[in-house]
C-alpha atoms as a PDB file:
ATOM      1  CA  MET A   1       0.143   0.027  -0.071  1.00  0.00           C
ATOM      2  CA  SER A   2       1.355   3.343  -0.949  1.00  0.00           C
ATOM      3  CA  HIS A   3       1.448   6.313   1.454  1.00  0.00           C
ATOM      4  CA  ARG A   4       0.561   9.668  -0.057  1.00  0.00           C
ATOM      5  CA  ALA A   5       1.474  13.104   1.430  1.00  0.00           C
ATOM      6  CA  PRO A   6      -1.567  15.000   2.831  1.00  0.00           C
ATOM      7  CA  PHE A   7      -2.811  17.306  -0.016  1.00  0.00           C
ATOM      8  CA  LEU A   8      -2.393  20.379   2.029  1.00  0.00           C
ATOM      9  CA  ALA A   9       1.496  20.087   1.592  1.00  0.00           C
ATOM     10  CA  LEU A  10       1.163  20.496  -2.103  1.00  0.00           C
ATOM     11  CA  PHE A  11       0.078  24.129  -2.093  1.00  0.00           C
ATOM     12  CA  ARG A  12       1.343  27.080  -0.542  1.00  0.00           C
ATOM     13  CA  LEU A  13       0.937  30.487  -1.141  1.00  0.00           C
ATOM     14  CA  ALA A  14       3.105  33.334  -0.106  1.00  0.00           C
ATOM     15  CA  PHE A  15       1.079  36.578  -0.709  1.00  0.00           C
ATOM     16  CA  VAL A  16       1.517  39.712   0.896  1.00  0.00           C
ATOM     17  CA  PRO A  17      -1.326  42.062   1.848  1.00  0.00           C
ATOM     18  CA  SER A  18       0.493  45.294   1.005  1.00  0.00           C
ATOM     19  CA  LEU A  19       3.932  46.876   0.943  1.00  0.00           C
ATOM     20  CA  SER A  20       5.048  48.032   4.187  1.00  0.00           C
ATOM     21  CA  PRO A  21       7.000  51.395   4.543  1.00  0.00           C
ATOM     22  CA  ASP A  22      10.241  49.233   5.140  1.00  0.00           C
ATOM     23  CA  ALA A  23       9.538  48.071   1.493  1.00  0.00           C
ATOM     24  CA  ALA A  24       9.601  51.641   0.257  1.00  0.00           C
ATOM     25  CA  GLN A  25      12.839  52.275   1.974  1.00  0.00           C
ATOM     26  CA  ASN A  26      14.533  49.559  -0.357  1.00  0.00           C
ATOM     27  CA  LYS A  27      13.895  46.614   1.899  1.00  0.00           C
ATOM     28  CA  SER A  28      12.049  43.737   0.323  1.00  0.00           C
ATOM     29  CA  PRO A  29       8.316  43.086   1.073  1.00  0.00           C
ATOM     30  CA  GLN A  30       7.250  41.055   3.934  1.00  0.00           C
ATOM     31  CA  ASP A  31       6.159  37.432   3.173  1.00  0.00           C
ATOM     32  CA  LYS A  32       2.948  35.947   4.927  1.00  0.00           C
ATOM     33  CA  PRO A  33       2.766  32.343   3.778  1.00  0.00           C
ATOM     34  CA  VAL A  34      -0.402  30.481   4.030  1.00  0.00           C
ATOM     35  CA  ALA A  35      -0.594  26.839   3.414  1.00  0.00           C
ATOM     36  CA  ALA A  36      -3.774  25.895   1.481  1.00  0.00           C
ATOM     37  CA  ASN A  37      -5.450  22.648   0.021  1.00  0.00           C
ATOM     38  CA  ALA A  38      -6.917  22.498  -3.457  1.00  0.00           C
ATOM     39  CA  GLU A  39     -10.278  23.883  -2.599  1.00  0.00           C
ATOM     40  CA  GLN A  40      -8.827  26.974  -0.533  1.00  0.00           C
ATOM     41  CA  VAL A  41      -6.362  27.599  -3.603  1.00  0.00           C
ATOM     42  CA  LYS A  42      -9.317  27.663  -6.213  1.00  0.00           C
ATOM     43  CA  LYS A  43     -11.345  30.035  -3.775  1.00  0.00           C
ATOM     44  CA  PHE A  44      -8.278  32.213  -3.303  1.00  0.00           C
ATOM     45  CA  GLU A  45      -7.537  32.562  -6.957  1.00  0.00           C
ATOM     46  CA  ALA A  46     -11.408  33.191  -7.816  1.00  0.00           C
ATOM     47  CA  ALA A  47     -11.039  36.076  -4.958  1.00  0.00           C
ATOM     48  CA  ILE A  48      -8.121  37.792  -6.417  1.00  0.00           C
ATOM     49  CA  ALA A  49      -9.032  37.417 -10.071  1.00  0.00           C
ATOM     50  CA  PRO A  50     -10.632  40.835 -10.363  1.00  0.00           C
ATOM     51  CA  TYR A  51      -7.580  42.396  -8.612  1.00  0.00           C
ATOM     52  CA  VAL A  52      -5.198  40.488 -10.965  1.00  0.00           C
ATOM     53  CA  LYS A  53      -7.302  41.833 -13.927  1.00  0.00           C
ATOM     54  CA  LYS A  54      -7.040  45.286 -12.759  1.00  0.00           C
ATOM     55  CA  ALA A  55      -3.261  44.775 -12.274  1.00  0.00           C
ATOM     56  CA  ARG A  56      -2.805  43.477 -15.775  1.00  0.00           C
ATOM     57  CA  GLU A  57      -4.708  46.377 -17.455  1.00  0.00           C
ATOM     58  CA  ALA A  58      -2.586  48.964 -15.740  1.00  0.00           C
ATOM     59  CA  LEU A  59       0.601  47.082 -16.271  1.00  0.00           C
ATOM     60  CA  PRO A  60       1.358  48.714 -19.753  1.00  0.00           C
ATOM     61  CA  GLU A  61       1.450  52.295 -18.187  1.00  0.00           C
ATOM     62  CA  ALA A  62       3.537  51.016 -15.402  1.00  0.00           C
ATOM     63  CA  LYS A  63       5.879  49.373 -17.777  1.00  0.00           C
ATOM     64  CA  LYS A  64       6.194  52.832 -19.714  1.00  0.00           C
ATOM     65  CA  ASN A  65       7.085  54.758 -16.491  1.00  0.00           C
ATOM     66  CA  TYR A  66       9.589  51.836 -15.527  1.00  0.00           C
ATOM     67  CA  LEU A  67      11.238  52.187 -19.067  1.00  0.00           C
ATOM     68  CA  ALA A  68      11.249  55.943 -19.004  1.00  0.00           C
ATOM     69  CA  GLY A  69      12.914  55.885 -15.741  1.00  0.00           C
ATOM     70  CA  LEU A  70      11.632  55.819 -12.237  1.00  0.00           C
ATOM     71  CA  PRO A  71      12.312  58.660  -9.723  1.00  0.00           C
ATOM     72  CA  GLN A  72      15.299  57.933  -7.482  1.00  0.00           C
ATOM     73  CA  ASN A  73      14.726  55.403  -4.757  1.00  0.00           C
ATOM     74  CA  GLN A  74      11.582  53.971  -6.301  1.00  0.00           C
ATOM     75  CA  ILE A  75      11.360  50.267  -6.783  1.00  0.00           C
ATOM     76  CA  PHE A  76       9.204  48.249  -8.872  1.00  0.00           C
ATOM     77  CA  TYR A  77       8.117  44.839  -7.821  1.00  0.00           C
ATOM     78  CA  VAL A  78       6.252  42.169  -9.602  1.00  0.00           C
ATOM     79  CA  THR A  79       4.366  39.150  -8.012  1.00  0.00           C
ATOM     80  CA  ILE A  80       4.496  35.987  -9.765  1.00  0.00           C
ATOM     81  CA  LYS A  81       4.082  32.227  -9.362  1.00  0.00           C
ATOM     82  CA  LEU A  82       7.150  30.055  -9.167  1.00  0.00           C
ATOM     83  CA  TYR A  83       6.537  26.491  -9.454  1.00  0.00           C
ATOM     84  CA  ASP A  84       8.198  23.366  -8.268  1.00  0.00           C
ATOM     85  CA  SER A  85       5.808  20.955  -9.961  1.00  0.00           C
ATOM     86  CA  PRO A  86       2.573  21.593 -11.662  1.00  0.00           C
ATOM     87  CA  LYS A  87       0.579  21.605  -8.333  1.00  0.00           C
ATOM     88  CA  THR A  88       3.319  23.136  -6.036  1.00  0.00           C
ATOM     89  CA  TYR A  89       3.914  26.939  -6.240  1.00  0.00           C
ATOM     90  CA  GLU A  90       4.516  30.050  -4.075  1.00  0.00           C
ATOM     91  CA  GLN A  91       3.507  33.589  -5.214  1.00  0.00           C
ATOM     92  CA  VAL A  92       6.405  35.820  -4.699  1.00  0.00           C
ATOM     93  CA  PHE A  93       7.747  39.309  -5.055  1.00  0.00           C
ATOM     94  CA  VAL A  94      10.665  40.157  -7.629  1.00  0.00           C
ATOM     95  CA  ARG A  95      12.428  43.393  -7.964  1.00  0.00           C
ATOM     96  CA  ILE A  96      12.791  44.192 -11.349  1.00  0.00           C
ATOM     97  CA  THR A  97      16.209  44.901 -12.586  1.00  0.00           C
ATOM     98  CA  SER A  98      15.827  44.859 -16.423  1.00  0.00           C
ATOM     99  CA  TRP A  99      12.656  44.848 -18.587  1.00  0.00           C
ATOM    100  CA  LYS A 100      13.356  44.271 -22.318  1.00  0.00           C
ATOM    101  CA  GLY A 101      10.364  43.541 -24.474  1.00  0.00           C
ATOM    102  CA  GLU A 102       8.235  41.138 -22.574  1.00  0.00           C
ATOM    103  CA  SER A 103      11.072  39.522 -20.638  1.00  0.00           C
ATOM    104  CA  ILE A 104      11.693  40.692 -17.150  1.00  0.00           C
ATOM    105  CA  GLN A 105      14.944  40.204 -15.136  1.00  0.00           C
ATOM    106  CA  GLY A 106      14.998  40.675 -11.482  1.00  0.00           C
ATOM    107  CA  ILE A 107      15.665  39.334  -7.953  1.00  0.00           C
ATOM    108  CA  LEU A 108      13.572  37.152  -5.800  1.00  0.00           C
ATOM    109  CA  GLU A 109      12.835  38.961  -2.767  1.00  0.00           C
ATOM    110  CA  SER A 110      10.733  36.465  -1.029  1.00  0.00           C
ATOM    111  CA  SER A 111      11.763  33.801   1.064  1.00  0.00           C
ATOM    112  CA  LEU A 112      10.489  30.379   0.020  1.00  0.00           C
ATOM    113  CA  SER A 113       8.879  27.853   2.081  1.00  0.00           C
ATOM    114  CA  ILE A 114       7.658  25.035  -0.253  1.00  0.00           C
ATOM    115  CA  ILE A 115       9.406  25.103  -3.367  1.00  0.00           C
ATOM    116  CA  HIS A 116      12.983  24.527  -3.586  1.00  0.00           C
ATOM    117  CA  ASN A 117      14.128  25.362  -7.195  1.00  0.00           C
ATOM    118  CA  HIS A 118      14.870  28.968  -6.392  1.00  0.00           C
ATOM    119  CA  SER A 119      16.287  30.940  -3.460  1.00  0.00           C
ATOM    120  CA  LYS A 120      15.775  34.455  -2.131  1.00  0.00           C
ATOM    121  CA  GLY A 121      18.311  37.095  -3.539  1.00  0.00           C
ATOM    122  CA  LYS A 122      18.882  35.047  -6.776  1.00  0.00           C
ATOM    123  CA  GLU A 123      18.272  36.400 -10.314  1.00  0.00           C
ATOM    124  CA  LEU A 124      15.536  35.101 -12.330  1.00  0.00           C
ATOM    125  CA  THR A 125      13.853  35.921 -15.511  1.00  0.00           C
ATOM    126  CA  CYS A 126      10.136  35.665 -16.072  1.00  0.00           C
ATOM    127  CA  HIS A 127       7.706  36.631 -18.949  1.00  0.00           C
ATOM    128  CA  GLU A 128       5.327  39.770 -18.616  1.00  0.00           C
ATOM    129  CA  SER A 129       2.235  37.375 -18.870  1.00  0.00           C
ATOM    130  CA  ALA A 130       3.310  35.839 -15.451  1.00  0.00           C
ATOM    131  CA  ILE A 131       2.760  39.024 -13.539  1.00  0.00           C
ATOM    132  CA  LEU A 132      -0.262  38.938 -11.168  1.00  0.00           C
ATOM    133  CA  ASP A 133       0.120  42.099  -9.498  1.00  0.00           C
ATOM    134  CA  TRP A 134       2.867  44.936  -9.387  1.00  0.00           C
ATOM    135  CA  ALA A 135       3.873  47.694  -7.121  1.00  0.00           C
ATOM    136  CA  ILE A 136       6.153  50.727  -7.212  1.00  0.00           C
ATOM    137  CA  SER A 137       7.340  51.357  -3.798  1.00  0.00           C
ATOM    138  CA  ARG A 138       8.324  55.008  -2.993  1.00  0.00           C
ATOM    139  CA  PRO A 139      10.767  56.116  -0.182  1.00  0.00           C
ATOM    140  CA  ASP A 140       7.901  57.869   1.832  1.00  0.00           C
ATOM    141  CA  GLY A 141       6.046  54.684   2.378  1.00  0.00           C
ATOM    142  CA  THR A 142       3.475  55.262  -0.398  1.00  0.00           C
ATOM    143  CA  GLU A 143       3.069  52.746  -3.359  1.00  0.00           C
ATOM    144  CA  LYS A 144       1.566  52.669  -6.912  1.00  0.00           C
ATOM    145  CA  GLY A 145      -0.326  49.526  -7.915  1.00  0.00           C
ATOM    146  CA  ASN A 146      -0.494  46.668  -5.651  1.00  0.00           C
ATOM    147  CA  PHE A 147      -3.983  45.821  -6.616  1.00  0.00           C
ATOM    148  CA  VAL A 148      -4.077  42.188  -5.282  1.00  0.00           C
ATOM    149  CA  GLY A 149      -1.958  43.115  -2.074  1.00  0.00           C
ATOM    150  CA  LYS A 150      -4.462  45.826  -1.001  1.00  0.00           C
ATOM    151  CA  PHE A 151      -7.324  43.398  -1.312  1.00  0.00           C
ATOM    152  CA  LEU A 152      -5.578  40.942   0.596  1.00  0.00           C
ATOM    153  CA  ASP A 153      -5.295  43.475   3.481  1.00  0.00           C
ATOM    154  CA  THR A 154      -9.045  42.897   3.847  1.00  0.00           C
ATOM    155  CA  TYR A 155      -9.360  39.237   2.569  1.00  0.00           C
ATOM    156  CA  HIS A 156     -10.544  36.706   5.242  1.00  0.00           C
ATOM    157  CA  PRO A 157     -11.083  33.356   3.612  1.00  0.00           C
END
């Protein structure tokens, strides 16, 4: 008889309600990991879907601002999913360092809890279509974007 790991262990979301003032002061956003089973993940993804849509609709203008050059000490973060397998992923923050065409290079700013094929502080490349949310962090603690993150401040599954 084979033993199966609990389904709960297959999913883990690292989502962040909103960027803290520390993030705006060139520190990475603080993750708040939440383990979830398949049903909880489905509900979570349905809940954030309208905010992901808003973030993606606003992305072309934000990209244009980034490519034109952000003011000093502003940091552009994107939120993407990193996968270990088709059913195991974490939502993570990436600090953008380069954006050419639809290819984004950046530094992983999230500590990982469940996937093991990436690590915090390492460079990675993602496609623009992978973006779930984005935020421009300002030195005064304010932010632009962060549609999903602001929703998650009030989300109670």
